[in-house]
Amino acid sequence: MPRLEYSHKGMPGFLEGPEIEAILYEVGYLTAALYESIAPHRSGRLASSVAVDVEMDTPYKSATPRLVANVRVTAPYAAAHEYGHLTARTRRPVPGHHELNLALQGLAAS
């Protein structure tokens, strides 16, 4: 039986193709939907400010450019809500809620 050799030479073109772009959009919008279901809905601004974008980028320093999905929450207070902040008056820490991380964990579990 002949030995099968793996070659990654075709991967760069594959990671830039329309099939991967469609998959990344699907995963991005699924993550956004999970975030919208987890985020607080007092005003609805946080949950409705999720944006999904798929673009050519270099995901880490030594990588070649490839398609990546970015899921962003664009409300002005999104970072403070996600990661935590200090109160304005007493400077006491308010812990973050990490809903975007929970959405990614839910995506990984599905």
C-alpha atoms as a PDB file:
ATOM      1  CA  MET A   1       0.000   0.000   0.000  1.00  0.00           C
ATOM      2  CA  PRO A   2       1.496   3.393  -0.963  1.00  0.00           C
ATOM      3  CA  ARG A   3       2.257   5.828   1.814  1.00  0.00           C
ATOM      4  CA  LEU A   4       0.153   9.004   1.791  1.00  0.00           C
ATOM      5  CA  GLU A   5       2.196  12.172   2.232  1.00  0.00           C
ATOM      6  CA  TYR A   6       0.545  15.334   3.537  1.00  0.00           C
ATOM      7  CA  SER A   7       1.436  18.584   1.797  1.00  0.00           C
ATOM      8  CA  HIS A   8       0.254  21.985   2.988  1.00  0.00           C
ATOM      9  CA  LYS A   9       1.292  23.753  -0.223  1.00  0.00           C
ATOM     10  CA  GLY A  10      -2.327  24.235  -1.322  1.00  0.00           C
ATOM     11  CA  MET A  11      -3.516  25.619   2.023  1.00  0.00           C
ATOM     12  CA  PRO A  12      -2.700  29.323   1.443  1.00  0.00           C
ATOM     13  CA  GLY A  13      -5.007  29.446  -1.575  1.00  0.00           C
ATOM     14  CA  PHE A  14      -7.667  27.489   0.288  1.00  0.00           C
ATOM     15  CA  LEU A  15      -7.580  29.889   3.237  1.00  0.00           C
ATOM     16  CA  GLU A  16      -8.282  32.762   0.851  1.00  0.00           C
ATOM     17  CA  GLY A  17     -11.118  31.137  -1.118  1.00  0.00           C
ATOM     18  CA  PRO A  18     -14.846  31.812  -1.226  1.00  0.00           C
ATOM     19  CA  GLU A  19     -15.691  28.597   0.657  1.00  0.00           C
ATOM     20  CA  ILE A  20     -13.679  29.689   3.693  1.00  0.00           C
ATOM     21  CA  GLU A  21     -15.139  33.188   3.480  1.00  0.00           C
ATOM     22  CA  ALA A  22     -18.676  31.752   3.601  1.00  0.00           C
ATOM     23  CA  ILE A  23     -17.778  29.523   6.564  1.00  0.00           C
ATOM     24  CA  LEU A  24     -16.204  32.453   8.435  1.00  0.00           C
ATOM     25  CA  TYR A  25     -19.280  34.630   7.873  1.00  0.00           C
ATOM     26  CA  GLU A  26     -21.503  31.817   9.142  1.00  0.00           C
ATOM     27  CA  VAL A  27     -19.376  31.315  12.264  1.00  0.00           C
ATOM     28  CA  GLY A  28     -19.131  35.080  12.828  1.00  0.00           C
ATOM     29  CA  TYR A  29     -22.895  35.596  12.621  1.00  0.00           C
ATOM     30  CA  LEU A  30     -23.524  32.589  14.866  1.00  0.00           C
ATOM     31  CA  THR A  31     -21.125  34.068  17.444  1.00  0.00           C
ATOM     32  CA  ALA A  32     -22.908  37.425  17.135  1.00  0.00           C
ATOM     33  CA  ALA A  33     -26.291  35.754  17.683  1.00  0.00           C
ATOM     34  CA  LEU A  34     -24.977  33.952  20.766  1.00  0.00           C
ATOM     35  CA  TYR A  35     -23.589  37.239  22.102  1.00  0.00           C
ATOM     36  CA  GLU A  36     -26.902  39.021  21.495  1.00  0.00           C
ATOM     37  CA  SER A  37     -28.719  36.330  23.480  1.00  0.00           C
ATOM     38  CA  ILE A  38     -26.256  36.570  26.397  1.00  0.00           C
ATOM     39  CA  ALA A  39     -25.750  40.360  26.574  1.00  0.00           C
ATOM     40  CA  PRO A  40     -27.947  42.440  28.876  1.00  0.00           C
ATOM     41  CA  HIS A  41     -30.997  43.985  27.234  1.00  0.00           C
ATOM     42  CA  ARG A  42     -31.712  46.973  29.501  1.00  0.00           C
ATOM     43  CA  SER A  43     -31.339  49.499  26.682  1.00  0.00           C
ATOM     44  CA  GLY A  44     -30.524  47.048  23.901  1.00  0.00           C
ATOM     45  CA  ARG A  45     -27.539  49.122  22.735  1.00  0.00           C
ATOM     46  CA  LEU A  46     -24.919  46.569  23.727  1.00  0.00           C
ATOM     47  CA  ALA A  47     -26.657  43.592  22.164  1.00  0.00           C
ATOM     48  CA  SER A  48     -27.493  45.454  18.960  1.00  0.00           C
ATOM     49  CA  SER A  49     -23.991  46.848  18.451  1.00  0.00           C
ATOM     50  CA  VAL A  50     -22.387  43.550  17.358  1.00  0.00           C
ATOM     51  CA  ALA A  51     -20.634  43.726  13.984  1.00  0.00           C
ATOM     52  CA  VAL A  52     -19.172  40.866  11.929  1.00  0.00           C
ATOM     53  CA  ASP A  53     -16.483  41.428   9.336  1.00  0.00           C
ATOM     54  CA  VAL A  54     -14.444  38.957   7.284  1.00  0.00           C
ATOM     55  CA  GLU A  55     -11.237  40.311   5.787  1.00  0.00           C
ATOM     56  CA  MET A  56      -7.725  39.444   4.729  1.00  0.00           C
ATOM     57  CA  ASP A  57      -5.454  39.847   7.736  1.00  0.00           C
ATOM     58  CA  THR A  58      -2.353  38.401   9.363  1.00  0.00           C
ATOM     59  CA  PRO A  59      -3.643  36.660  12.508  1.00  0.00           C
ATOM     60  CA  TYR A  60      -0.205  36.454  14.109  1.00  0.00           C
ATOM     61  CA  LYS A  61       3.241  37.843  13.386  1.00  0.00           C
ATOM     62  CA  SER A  62       4.795  35.033  11.360  1.00  0.00           C
ATOM     63  CA  ALA A  63       1.647  34.068   9.432  1.00  0.00           C
ATOM     64  CA  THR A  64       0.841  34.764   5.828  1.00  0.00           C
ATOM     65  CA  PRO A  65      -2.284  36.855   5.193  1.00  0.00           C
ATOM     66  CA  ARG A  66      -5.512  34.871   5.201  1.00  0.00           C
ATOM     67  CA  LEU A  67      -9.213  35.410   5.687  1.00  0.00           C
ATOM     68  CA  VAL A  68     -10.171  35.999   9.315  1.00  0.00           C
ATOM     69  CA  ALA A  69     -13.517  36.768  10.954  1.00  0.00           C
ATOM     70  CA  ASN A  70     -13.723  39.693  13.361  1.00  0.00           C
ATOM     71  CA  VAL A  71     -16.669  39.946  15.753  1.00  0.00           C
ATOM     72  CA  ARG A  72     -16.783  43.373  17.393  1.00  0.00           C
ATOM     73  CA  VAL A  73     -19.093  44.993  19.903  1.00  0.00           C
ATOM     74  CA  THR A  74     -19.123  48.679  19.033  1.00  0.00           C
ATOM     75  CA  ALA A  75     -21.139  50.300  21.847  1.00  0.00           C
ATOM     76  CA  PRO A  76     -19.043  53.036  23.527  1.00  0.00           C
ATOM     77  CA  TYR A  77     -19.052  51.215  26.859  1.00  0.00           C
ATOM     78  CA  ALA A  78     -18.545  47.688  25.464  1.00  0.00           C
ATOM     79  CA  ALA A  79     -14.909  47.302  26.563  1.00  0.00           C
ATOM     80  CA  ALA A  80     -15.656  48.465  30.114  1.00  0.00           C
ATOM     81  CA  HIS A  81     -18.607  46.067  30.298  1.00  0.00           C
ATOM     82  CA  GLU A  82     -16.649  43.143  28.834  1.00  0.00           C
ATOM     83  CA  TYR A  83     -13.364  43.533  30.726  1.00  0.00           C
ATOM     84  CA  GLY A  84     -14.297  45.576  33.800  1.00  0.00           C
ATOM     85  CA  HIS A  85     -13.464  49.102  34.926  1.00  0.00           C
ATOM     86  CA  LEU A  86     -12.934  51.316  37.955  1.00  0.00           C
ATOM     87  CA  THR A  87     -15.848  53.348  39.297  1.00  0.00           C
ATOM     88  CA  ALA A  88     -15.533  57.077  38.655  1.00  0.00           C
ATOM     89  CA  ARG A  89     -16.111  58.195  42.236  1.00  0.00           C
ATOM     90  CA  THR A  90     -14.517  55.563  44.465  1.00  0.00           C
ATOM     91  CA  ARG A  91     -12.091  53.985  41.940  1.00  0.00           C
ATOM     92  CA  ARG A  92     -13.188  50.522  43.056  1.00  0.00           C
ATOM     93  CA  PRO A  93     -12.943  47.747  40.498  1.00  0.00           C
ATOM     94  CA  VAL A  94     -16.083  46.538  38.765  1.00  0.00           C
ATOM     95  CA  PRO A  95     -15.483  43.073  37.292  1.00  0.00           C
ATOM     96  CA  GLY A  96     -16.099  42.402  33.621  1.00  0.00           C
ATOM     97  CA  HIS A  97     -18.950  40.234  32.402  1.00  0.00           C
ATOM     98  CA  HIS A  98     -17.082  38.454  29.559  1.00  0.00           C
ATOM     99  CA  GLU A  99     -20.158  37.788  27.420  1.00  0.00           C
ATOM    100  CA  LEU A 100     -18.142  37.722  24.197  1.00  0.00           C
ATOM    101  CA  ASN A 101     -15.911  35.040  25.686  1.00  0.00           C
ATOM    102  CA  LEU A 102     -19.013  33.109  26.801  1.00  0.00           C
ATOM    103  CA  ALA A 103     -20.388  33.338  23.253  1.00  0.00           C
ATOM    104  CA  LEU A 104     -17.125  31.914  21.869  1.00  0.00           C
ATOM    105  CA  GLN A 105     -17.216  29.119  24.447  1.00  0.00           C
ATOM    106  CA  GLY A 106     -20.805  28.357  23.466  1.00  0.00           C
ATOM    107  CA  LEU A 107     -19.759  28.254  19.835  1.00  0.00           C
ATOM    108  CA  ALA A 108     -16.956  25.819  20.634  1.00  0.00           C
ATOM    109  CA  ALA A 109     -19.366  23.591  22.571  1.00  0.00           C
ATOM    110  CA  SER A 110     -21.865  23.393  19.707  1.00  0.00           C
END
